Amino acid sequence: MSCYASIDEEKIRTQAHVREWARSGLLDEAQSRRLNEDLRVDLRRTNPFLRAVLFLFTVLIVGASIGLFVVTFHIDDKSFGSLTYICFVSAAICYALAEYVIRRFRLYRFGVEEALAVCTVILLSIGSIAATDRMDVSPTLEFTIIAGLTAAAISALAVYWRFGYLYAAIAFVICFAALPFQFRLSLPVERASVGIIFLVIFMIARHNRRMYGDDFPGDDYGWIQAAALAGLYLDLNFRITASATSGRFYWITYALVWIIPVVALTLALRDRDRPLLNVSLAAMLGTLVTNKPYLGLSQQPWDPIVFGVFLSAAAIAIRRWLSKSPDGERYGFTSVRLLMADRRLLTMVGTASVVLQPGSVVASHAATPSKAEFQGGRSGGAGASGGF
């Protein structure tokens, strides 16, 4: 059960939409003010920068406090009150403090309570690894890692249910899906097991997403669904995450990396699901990029040029198809950037593409040594010379 009321969560998500609509000019100042008054909650929040700073400082304080206790009382893994118990006790204290500051100060995404909850997950994982480190188990199992991942998955899911942190739910998906890698299975069985885990999570999240729609908690389930799809695709694309180059299962995955993006894109377009749409498009691009390596064909220097021309032509064709409709939209989609967030995202992507481009002008100038000024000059009339 969440420690925040569902109505407060819905109001906060709606406030974010109202601010974005106001920045994009879809609402005037009076409308925005009236809506914000109706959506007011009694929770304390802060800006993203201060939230990150408070998160970092709280993690440092927790780590320093545990370290000070261990050093002061000369505790090691062989002494009374081993590090295993220290981790478990510290995790309980961090969780209790997170509950306390939320109830006492009504904090919401403030950084402090988030850091305490995250430290709870980390400490439980470390404690589980330490507790199983000396167990004599089968050499075919990475038992300590299994224990750590299991503790991290369970505690991360509990943190999501209790505090609503979306990144905790995604951490649960990653940790849970990483478990089959620790059993030293054959590659097909290992990847099939991971794929089934991602597929089950995807189906559960999709069911809940369709049940709640875009409203809370449907928006969270949409991101979990997209994360599960991304994990499923990366698990099955052997040209990205594996070194296999032949075999029956290899060619099955080749077919799947074409089928999965197409099916996901169809579902995303039908449901107008933005996170799923973004991931499915990224998966489709990954399939196109890895197609020649999958088939064992040699890559040519002009492949990126052809790929870029294809993407540009496809984008122009889709944009023209959307803009030629009477209202500038088809089936609820438009080529017009309505929100400022989309424009800022495109600006950031464009800037990153210039900065990260190999052989950029900035890098070439930085690598070229500057020539000394006034090299070999002469001073005055006494015949003195040198480099200044």
Protein backbone atom coordinates (compact mmCIF):
# COMPACT_ATOMS: atom_id res chain seq x y z
CA MET A 1 0.00 0.00 0.00
CA SER A 2 1.39 3.40 -0.94
CA CYS A 3 2.17 5.97 1.73
CA TYR A 4 0.76 8.66 -0.60
CA ALA A 5 -2.93 9.04 -1.34
CA SER A 6 -3.94 8.22 -4.90
CA ILE A 7 -5.74 11.55 -5.25
CA ASP A 8 -2.52 13.41 -4.38
CA GLU A 9 -0.57 11.39 -6.94
CA GLU A 10 -3.17 12.19 -9.60
CA LYS A 11 -3.12 15.88 -8.74
CA ILE A 12 0.67 16.07 -8.90
CA ARG A 13 0.79 14.32 -12.29
CA THR A 14 -1.94 16.64 -13.58
CA GLN A 15 -0.03 19.69 -12.26
CA ALA A 16 2.95 18.67 -14.38
CA HIS A 17 0.70 18.49 -17.45
CA VAL A 18 -0.83 21.89 -16.66
CA ARG A 19 2.61 23.52 -16.38
CA GLU A 20 3.67 22.02 -19.70
CA TRP A 21 0.44 23.14 -21.38
CA ALA A 22 0.96 26.66 -20.03
CA ARG A 23 4.57 26.78 -21.27
CA SER A 24 3.42 25.57 -24.68
CA GLY A 25 0.74 28.28 -24.95
CA LEU A 26 -2.21 25.90 -24.77
CA LEU A 27 -3.44 27.58 -21.57
CA ASP A 28 -3.38 31.26 -20.66
CA GLU A 29 -2.16 32.52 -17.29
CA ALA A 30 -5.63 32.78 -15.73
CA GLN A 31 -6.56 29.23 -16.74
CA SER A 32 -3.25 27.87 -15.47
CA ARG A 33 -3.63 29.67 -12.12
CA ARG A 34 -7.18 28.41 -11.66
CA LEU A 35 -6.25 24.82 -12.43
CA ASN A 36 -3.21 24.93 -10.13
CA GLU A 37 -5.39 26.18 -7.29
CA ASP A 38 -7.73 23.23 -7.74
CA LEU A 39 -4.78 20.82 -7.86
CA ARG A 40 -2.98 22.07 -4.75
CA VAL A 41 -1.68 19.38 -2.36
CA ASP A 42 -0.12 19.57 1.11
CA LEU A 43 3.07 17.75 0.12
CA ARG A 44 6.49 19.42 0.13
CA ARG A 45 8.42 19.27 -3.13
CA THR A 46 11.52 20.85 -4.56
CA ASN A 47 13.17 21.48 -7.93
CA PRO A 48 15.11 18.70 -9.72
CA PHE A 49 18.55 20.22 -9.02
CA LEU A 50 18.04 20.53 -5.25
CA ARG A 51 16.39 17.11 -5.23
CA ALA A 52 19.51 15.57 -6.77
CA VAL A 53 21.80 17.41 -4.34
CA LEU A 54 19.77 16.30 -1.30
CA PHE A 55 19.74 12.74 -2.64
CA LEU A 56 23.51 12.71 -3.03
CA PHE A 57 24.22 14.23 0.38
CA THR A 58 21.83 11.83 2.12
CA VAL A 59 23.55 8.83 0.50
CA LEU A 60 26.93 10.21 1.61
CA ILE A 61 25.65 10.71 5.15
CA VAL A 62 24.29 7.15 5.33
CA GLY A 63 27.51 5.68 3.98
CA ALA A 64 29.69 7.79 6.26
CA SER A 65 27.59 6.91 9.33
CA ILE A 66 27.87 3.17 8.65
CA GLY A 67 31.59 3.50 7.99
CA LEU A 68 32.13 5.48 11.18
CA PHE A 69 30.29 2.86 13.22
CA VAL A 70 32.32 0.02 11.68
CA VAL A 71 35.65 1.79 12.22
CA THR A 72 34.84 3.01 15.73
CA PHE A 73 33.87 -0.43 17.04
CA HIS A 74 36.48 -2.30 14.94
CA ILE A 75 33.85 -4.48 13.29
CA ASP A 76 34.81 -6.88 10.53
CA ASP A 77 33.26 -9.99 9.04
CA LYS A 78 34.88 -12.21 11.68
CA SER A 79 33.93 -10.23 14.75
CA PHE A 80 30.78 -10.13 16.86
CA GLY A 81 28.03 -8.25 15.08
CA SER A 82 29.37 -8.95 11.59
CA LEU A 83 28.94 -6.72 8.60
CA THR A 84 25.96 -8.83 7.55
CA TYR A 85 23.98 -7.74 10.57
CA ILE A 86 25.24 -4.17 10.20
CA CYS A 87 23.78 -4.06 6.67
CA PHE A 88 20.43 -5.51 7.70
CA VAL A 89 20.10 -3.25 10.75
CA SER A 90 21.15 -0.20 8.72
CA ALA A 91 18.59 -1.09 6.04
CA ALA A 92 15.85 -1.25 8.70
CA ILE A 93 16.93 2.12 10.11
CA CYS A 94 16.98 3.73 6.64
CA TYR A 95 13.51 2.43 5.87
CA ALA A 96 12.17 3.66 9.22
CA LEU A 97 13.71 7.09 8.63
CA ALA A 98 12.18 7.26 5.16
CA GLU A 99 8.75 6.52 6.60
CA TYR A 100 9.30 9.05 9.40
CA VAL A 101 10.37 12.02 7.25
CA ILE A 102 7.48 11.42 4.85
CA ARG A 103 4.92 11.30 7.64
CA ARG A 104 6.48 14.09 9.72
CA PHE A 105 7.45 16.57 7.00
CA ARG A 106 5.13 15.45 4.17
CA LEU A 107 7.98 15.12 1.67
CA TYR A 108 7.34 14.08 -1.92
CA ARG A 109 10.24 13.44 -4.31
CA PHE A 110 12.36 15.65 -2.06
CA GLY A 111 15.59 13.66 -2.39
CA VAL A 112 16.09 12.81 1.28
CA GLU A 113 13.42 10.15 1.60
CA GLU A 114 14.32 8.79 -1.84
CA ALA A 115 17.94 8.32 -0.84
CA LEU A 116 16.93 6.53 2.36
CA ALA A 117 14.68 4.16 0.41
CA VAL A 118 17.40 3.48 -2.18
CA CYS A 119 19.94 2.84 0.60
CA THR A 120 17.50 0.32 2.05
CA VAL A 121 17.54 -1.65 -1.20
CA ILE A 122 21.33 -1.46 -1.55
CA LEU A 123 22.02 -2.46 2.05
CA LEU A 124 19.62 -5.41 1.88
CA SER A 125 21.34 -6.58 -1.30
CA ILE A 126 24.83 -6.24 0.20
CA GLY A 127 23.71 -7.95 3.41
CA SER A 128 22.26 -10.88 1.46
CA ILE A 129 25.49 -11.26 -0.50
CA ALA A 130 27.54 -11.19 2.72
CA ALA A 131 25.24 -13.68 4.43
CA THR A 132 25.58 -16.25 1.63
CA ASP A 133 29.23 -15.62 0.81
CA ARG A 134 30.56 -18.51 2.91
CA MET A 135 27.89 -21.04 2.10
CA ASP A 136 29.11 -24.23 0.45
CA VAL A 137 26.81 -24.61 -2.54
CA SER A 138 26.98 -26.12 -6.00
CA PRO A 139 29.74 -24.66 -8.20
CA THR A 140 27.22 -24.40 -11.04
CA LEU A 141 25.46 -21.56 -9.22
CA GLU A 142 26.55 -18.00 -8.49
CA PHE A 143 24.70 -18.25 -5.20
CA THR A 144 25.89 -14.99 -3.65
CA ILE A 145 24.89 -13.00 -6.74
CA ILE A 146 21.55 -14.81 -6.87
CA ALA A 147 20.90 -13.85 -3.24
CA GLY A 148 21.88 -10.23 -3.88
CA LEU A 149 19.74 -9.92 -7.01
CA THR A 150 16.77 -11.57 -5.32
CA ALA A 151 16.98 -9.25 -2.31
CA ALA A 152 17.39 -6.23 -4.60
CA ALA A 153 14.42 -7.26 -6.77
CA ILE A 154 12.07 -7.90 -3.85
CA SER A 155 13.07 -4.77 -1.93
CA ALA A 156 12.93 -2.58 -5.06
CA LEU A 157 9.41 -3.81 -5.82
CA ALA A 158 8.40 -3.14 -2.20
CA VAL A 159 9.86 0.39 -2.43
CA TYR A 160 7.85 1.02 -5.60
CA TRP A 161 4.62 -0.20 -4.02
CA ARG A 162 5.22 1.82 -0.88
CA PHE A 163 6.76 5.05 -2.20
CA GLY A 164 5.90 5.00 -5.91
CA TYR A 165 9.42 5.55 -7.28
CA LEU A 166 9.31 4.51 -10.92
CA TYR A 167 13.04 3.82 -11.10
CA ALA A 168 12.59 1.26 -8.29
CA ALA A 169 10.11 -0.65 -10.47
CA ILE A 170 12.54 -0.59 -13.40
CA ALA A 171 15.32 -1.76 -11.06
CA PHE A 172 13.06 -4.68 -10.07
CA VAL A 173 12.61 -5.60 -13.74
CA ILE A 174 16.37 -5.53 -14.37
CA CYS A 175 17.35 -7.47 -11.24
CA PHE A 176 14.66 -10.10 -11.73
CA ALA A 177 15.55 -10.61 -15.39
CA ALA A 178 19.27 -10.91 -14.51
CA LEU A 179 18.69 -14.01 -12.35
CA PRO A 180 18.83 -16.64 -15.17
CA PHE A 181 22.33 -15.42 -16.11
CA GLN A 182 23.64 -16.73 -12.76
CA PHE A 183 22.67 -20.40 -13.35
CA ARG A 184 25.29 -21.10 -16.05
CA LEU A 185 22.73 -22.40 -18.50
CA SER A 186 23.26 -22.93 -22.20
CA LEU A 187 22.87 -19.79 -24.28
CA PRO A 188 19.46 -20.68 -25.82
CA VAL A 189 17.96 -21.74 -22.46
CA GLU A 190 19.43 -18.71 -20.71
CA ARG A 191 18.16 -16.18 -23.25
CA ALA A 192 14.78 -17.91 -23.54
CA SER A 193 14.35 -17.75 -19.75
CA VAL A 194 15.21 -14.06 -19.65
CA GLY A 195 12.90 -13.41 -22.59
CA ILE A 196 10.00 -15.17 -20.83
CA ILE A 197 10.54 -13.02 -17.72
CA PHE A 198 10.49 -9.83 -19.76
CA LEU A 199 7.46 -11.00 -21.72
CA VAL A 200 5.47 -11.83 -18.57
CA ILE A 201 6.32 -8.44 -17.03
CA PHE A 202 5.36 -6.77 -20.32
CA MET A 203 1.97 -8.49 -20.41
CA ILE A 204 1.18 -7.68 -16.77
CA ALA A 205 2.20 -4.04 -17.19
CA ARG A 206 0.27 -3.78 -20.44
CA HIS A 207 -2.88 -5.17 -18.83
CA ASN A 208 -2.67 -2.57 -16.06
CA ARG A 209 -1.78 0.18 -18.52
CA ARG A 210 -4.92 -0.49 -20.54
CA MET A 211 -6.99 -0.70 -17.38
CA TYR A 212 -5.95 2.74 -16.04
CA GLY A 213 -5.08 4.51 -19.30
CA ASP A 214 -2.90 7.61 -19.09
CA ASP A 215 -4.00 8.43 -15.54
CA PHE A 216 -2.07 7.37 -12.44
CA PRO A 217 -0.92 4.62 -12.06
CA GLY A 218 -1.38 3.86 -15.76
CA ASP A 219 1.45 6.21 -16.70
CA ASP A 220 3.85 4.24 -14.48
CA TYR A 221 2.74 0.95 -16.00
CA GLY A 222 3.36 2.45 -19.44
CA TRP A 223 7.02 3.07 -18.58
CA ILE A 224 7.39 -0.39 -17.00
CA GLN A 225 5.88 -1.90 -20.16
CA ALA A 226 8.35 0.03 -22.31
CA ALA A 227 11.28 -1.02 -20.11
CA ALA A 228 10.24 -4.68 -20.36
CA LEU A 229 10.01 -4.41 -24.15
CA ALA A 230 13.47 -2.84 -24.32
CA GLY A 231 14.88 -5.64 -22.17
CA LEU A 232 13.16 -8.30 -24.30
CA TYR A 233 14.58 -6.83 -27.49
CA LEU A 234 18.12 -6.48 -26.14
CA ASP A 235 17.99 -10.02 -24.76
CA LEU A 236 17.06 -11.48 -28.16
CA ASN A 237 19.26 -9.31 -30.40
CA PHE A 238 22.44 -11.39 -30.44
CA ARG A 239 24.33 -8.82 -32.49
CA ILE A 240 24.08 -6.41 -29.54
CA THR A 241 24.29 -8.55 -26.41
CA ALA A 242 25.83 -11.88 -27.49
CA SER A 243 28.62 -13.29 -29.62
CA ALA A 244 26.77 -16.20 -31.27
CA THR A 245 26.85 -16.21 -35.07
CA SER A 246 25.07 -19.42 -36.07
CA GLY A 247 22.64 -22.10 -34.97
CA ARG A 248 18.90 -22.64 -35.02
CA PHE A 249 18.21 -20.37 -32.04
CA TYR A 250 20.35 -17.66 -33.63
CA TRP A 251 18.07 -17.53 -36.67
CA ILE A 252 14.97 -17.66 -34.46
CA THR A 253 16.20 -14.52 -32.72
CA TYR A 254 16.84 -12.93 -36.12
CA ALA A 255 13.17 -13.39 -36.97
CA LEU A 256 12.08 -12.15 -33.55
CA VAL A 257 14.08 -8.92 -33.70
CA TRP A 258 12.05 -8.07 -36.80
CA ILE A 259 8.70 -9.24 -35.42
CA ILE A 260 8.91 -7.63 -31.96
CA PRO A 261 9.38 -3.98 -33.10
CA VAL A 262 6.61 -4.30 -35.70
CA VAL A 263 4.12 -5.76 -33.22
CA ALA A 264 5.07 -3.24 -30.53
CA LEU A 265 4.81 -0.34 -32.98
CA THR A 266 1.35 -1.50 -34.04
CA LEU A 267 0.20 -1.69 -30.42
CA ALA A 268 1.71 1.71 -29.60
CA LEU A 269 0.02 3.41 -32.55
CA ARG A 270 -3.32 1.81 -31.75
CA ASP A 271 -3.18 2.82 -28.07
CA ARG A 272 -1.34 6.13 -28.64
CA ASP A 273 1.22 4.98 -26.09
CA ARG A 274 4.20 7.38 -26.25
CA PRO A 275 6.78 5.41 -24.17
CA LEU A 276 6.02 2.19 -26.04
CA LEU A 277 6.13 4.06 -29.35
CA ASN A 278 9.58 5.48 -28.59
CA VAL A 279 11.00 2.10 -27.56
CA SER A 280 9.50 0.29 -30.54
CA LEU A 281 10.95 2.85 -32.94
CA ALA A 282 14.36 2.55 -31.27
CA ALA A 283 14.11 -1.24 -31.56
CA MET A 284 13.22 -0.95 -35.24
CA LEU A 285 16.27 1.24 -35.82
CA GLY A 286 18.41 -1.28 -33.92
CA THR A 287 17.11 -4.05 -36.18
CA LEU A 288 17.96 -2.10 -39.31
CA VAL A 289 21.45 -1.30 -38.03
CA THR A 290 22.24 -4.90 -37.02
CA ASN A 291 20.64 -6.58 -40.06
CA LYS A 292 23.82 -6.91 -42.11
CA PRO A 293 25.93 -8.19 -39.18
CA TYR A 294 23.17 -10.71 -38.42
CA LEU A 295 23.32 -12.02 -41.98
CA GLY A 296 27.12 -12.07 -41.98
CA LEU A 297 27.36 -9.46 -44.72
CA SER A 298 30.31 -7.10 -44.86
CA GLN A 299 29.59 -3.52 -43.86
CA GLN A 300 30.49 -0.74 -46.28
CA PRO A 301 31.61 2.84 -45.58
CA TRP A 302 28.50 4.19 -47.28
CA ASP A 303 26.07 2.21 -45.09
CA PRO A 304 25.53 5.10 -42.64
CA ILE A 305 24.85 7.45 -45.55
CA VAL A 306 22.23 5.13 -47.02
CA PHE A 307 20.71 4.64 -43.57
CA GLY A 308 20.53 8.39 -42.96
CA VAL A 309 18.96 9.05 -46.36
CA PHE A 310 16.38 6.33 -45.70
CA LEU A 311 15.45 7.79 -42.30
CA SER A 312 15.22 11.32 -43.72
CA ALA A 313 13.01 10.20 -46.60
CA ALA A 314 10.75 8.24 -44.24
CA ALA A 315 10.43 11.20 -41.87
CA ILE A 316 9.60 13.61 -44.70
CA ALA A 317 7.04 11.22 -46.19
CA ILE A 318 5.28 10.68 -42.83
CA ARG A 319 5.30 14.41 -42.09
CA ARG A 320 3.79 15.27 -45.48
CA TRP A 321 1.16 12.51 -45.10
CA LEU A 322 0.10 13.88 -41.72
CA SER A 323 0.12 17.54 -42.77
CA LYS A 324 -1.98 16.96 -45.90
CA SER A 325 -5.02 15.91 -43.89
CA PRO A 326 -7.79 18.55 -43.48
CA ASP A 327 -7.04 19.21 -39.80
CA GLY A 328 -3.32 18.45 -39.93
CA GLU A 329 -3.78 15.16 -38.08
CA ARG A 330 -4.64 11.56 -38.80
CA TYR A 331 -5.94 9.07 -36.23
CA GLY A 332 -4.94 11.39 -33.40
CA PHE A 333 -1.37 11.99 -34.65
CA THR A 334 0.01 15.28 -35.94
CA SER A 335 3.36 16.47 -37.28
CA VAL A 336 3.10 19.76 -35.35
CA ARG A 337 5.16 19.95 -32.16
CA LEU A 338 2.52 21.04 -29.68
CA LEU A 339 4.52 20.89 -26.44
CA MET A 340 7.68 22.73 -25.48
CA ALA A 341 9.07 19.52 -24.02
CA ASP A 342 9.24 17.98 -27.51
CA ARG A 343 11.02 21.03 -28.86
CA ARG A 344 13.53 21.00 -26.01
CA LEU A 345 14.14 17.31 -26.58
CA LEU A 346 14.86 17.86 -30.27
CA THR A 347 17.21 20.72 -29.39
CA MET A 348 19.09 18.52 -26.94
CA VAL A 349 19.34 15.68 -29.46
CA GLY A 350 20.62 18.06 -32.15
CA THR A 351 23.21 19.53 -29.80
CA ALA A 352 24.35 16.09 -28.68
CA SER A 353 24.68 14.91 -32.29
CA VAL A 354 27.08 17.77 -32.99
CA VAL A 355 29.09 17.44 -29.79
CA LEU A 356 29.42 13.64 -29.97
CA GLN A 357 30.24 13.54 -33.67
CA PRO A 358 33.65 11.91 -34.20
CA GLY A 359 36.30 14.21 -35.64
CA SER A 360 34.37 17.33 -34.68
CA VAL A 361 35.81 20.78 -35.17
CA VAL A 362 36.12 21.30 -31.42
CA ALA A 363 38.15 18.12 -31.00
CA SER A 364 40.44 18.95 -33.95
CA HIS A 365 41.17 22.40 -32.57
CA ALA A 366 41.88 20.96 -29.13
CA ALA A 367 44.33 18.45 -30.59
CA THR A 368 46.26 21.07 -32.64
CA PRO A 369 49.05 22.71 -30.62
CA SER A 370 49.05 26.48 -30.75
CA LYS A 371 52.06 28.24 -32.19
CA ALA A 372 54.16 30.43 -29.93
CA GLU A 373 53.64 34.14 -30.44
CA PHE A 374 56.51 36.36 -31.63
CA GLN A 375 58.79 33.37 -32.33
CA GLY A 376 62.29 34.57 -33.30
CA GLY A 377 61.56 38.28 -32.71
CA ARG A 378 64.21 40.96 -32.11
CA SER A 379 64.18 43.51 -29.32
CA GLY A 380 65.39 47.07 -29.59
CA GLY A 381 68.54 48.07 -31.39
CA ALA A 382 71.10 46.17 -29.28
CA GLY A 383 70.72 43.00 -31.32
CA ALA A 384 68.93 40.93 -28.61
CA SER A 385 66.73 38.23 -30.08
CA GLY A 386 64.63 35.25 -28.94
CA GLY A 387 61.19 33.92 -28.68
CA PHE A 388 58.67 35.87 -26.62
